[in-house]
């Protein structure tokens, strides 16, 4: 589960992109979670999670629901 702190969840199927953005954002002081599979990300998220999700992965509409 992701923490209740403000965090960023990155989802990308390219490991190099995940590593680069994770490093960059952590250097700026953000708490970053990186994931290469949107289905795994769905298991981490809760409806009231106050963080930000950044993804370039095309996903079916049912992968991440709004509530």
Protein backbone atom coordinates (compact mmCIF):
# COMPACT_ATOMS: atom_id res chain seq x y z
CA UNK A 1 0.00 0.00 0.00
CA UNK A 2 1.18 3.50 -0.72
CA UNK A 3 1.69 5.77 2.24
CA UNK A 4 -0.68 8.59 3.19
CA UNK A 5 2.07 11.14 2.53
CA UNK A 6 1.95 13.07 -0.71
CA UNK A 7 3.74 10.82 -3.16
CA UNK A 8 4.15 10.18 -6.86
CA UNK A 9 3.37 6.86 -8.48
CA UNK A 10 5.16 6.42 -11.81
CA UNK A 11 3.92 3.80 -14.23
CA UNK A 12 5.95 3.11 -17.35
CA UNK A 13 6.82 -0.05 -19.24
CA UNK A 14 10.35 1.21 -19.96
CA UNK A 15 12.69 0.45 -17.03
CA UNK A 16 15.19 3.13 -18.10
CA UNK A 17 12.48 5.81 -18.08
CA UNK A 18 11.29 4.67 -14.64
CA UNK A 19 14.83 4.77 -13.25
CA UNK A 20 15.58 8.20 -14.71
CA UNK A 21 12.36 9.86 -13.54
CA UNK A 22 12.53 8.19 -10.14
CA UNK A 23 16.07 9.47 -9.60
CA UNK A 24 15.18 12.97 -10.79
CA UNK A 25 12.06 13.25 -8.62
CA UNK A 26 13.77 11.80 -5.53
CA UNK A 27 16.58 14.35 -5.95
CA UNK A 28 13.88 17.02 -5.78
CA UNK A 29 12.61 15.55 -2.50
CA UNK A 30 9.57 13.62 -3.69
CA UNK A 31 8.60 10.19 -2.36
CA UNK A 32 8.37 8.09 -5.53
CA UNK A 33 6.91 4.65 -6.18
CA UNK A 34 7.79 3.14 -9.56
CA UNK A 35 5.85 0.41 -11.29
CA UNK A 36 6.09 -1.11 -14.76
CA UNK A 37 2.67 -2.75 -14.76
CA UNK A 38 -0.60 -0.80 -14.37
CA UNK A 39 -2.30 -3.88 -12.93
CA UNK A 40 0.25 -3.94 -10.09
CA UNK A 41 -0.29 -0.21 -9.54
CA UNK A 42 -4.02 -0.79 -9.15
CA UNK A 43 -3.30 -3.04 -6.17
CA UNK A 44 -1.35 -0.25 -4.43
CA UNK A 45 -3.88 2.55 -4.83
CA UNK A 46 -6.77 3.41 -2.56
CA UNK A 47 -9.62 5.72 -3.53
CA UNK A 48 -8.58 8.37 -0.99
CA UNK A 49 -4.83 8.26 -1.74
CA UNK A 50 -3.65 11.91 -1.95
CA UNK A 51 -0.75 11.37 -4.34
CA UNK A 52 -0.15 11.88 -8.03
CA UNK A 53 -0.11 9.16 -10.69
CA UNK A 54 2.02 9.66 -13.80
CA UNK A 55 1.73 7.09 -16.56
CA UNK A 56 2.35 6.71 -20.26
CA UNK A 57 1.10 3.13 -20.35
CA UNK A 58 -2.00 2.60 -22.47
CA UNK A 59 -4.47 0.79 -20.30
CA UNK A 60 -7.96 -0.62 -20.51
CA UNK A 61 -10.57 1.53 -18.79
CA UNK A 62 -11.00 -1.02 -16.01
CA UNK A 63 -7.35 -0.99 -14.83
CA UNK A 64 -7.68 2.07 -12.60
CA UNK A 65 -11.19 3.06 -11.61
CA UNK A 66 -12.28 6.32 -10.05
CA UNK A 67 -14.03 4.87 -7.17
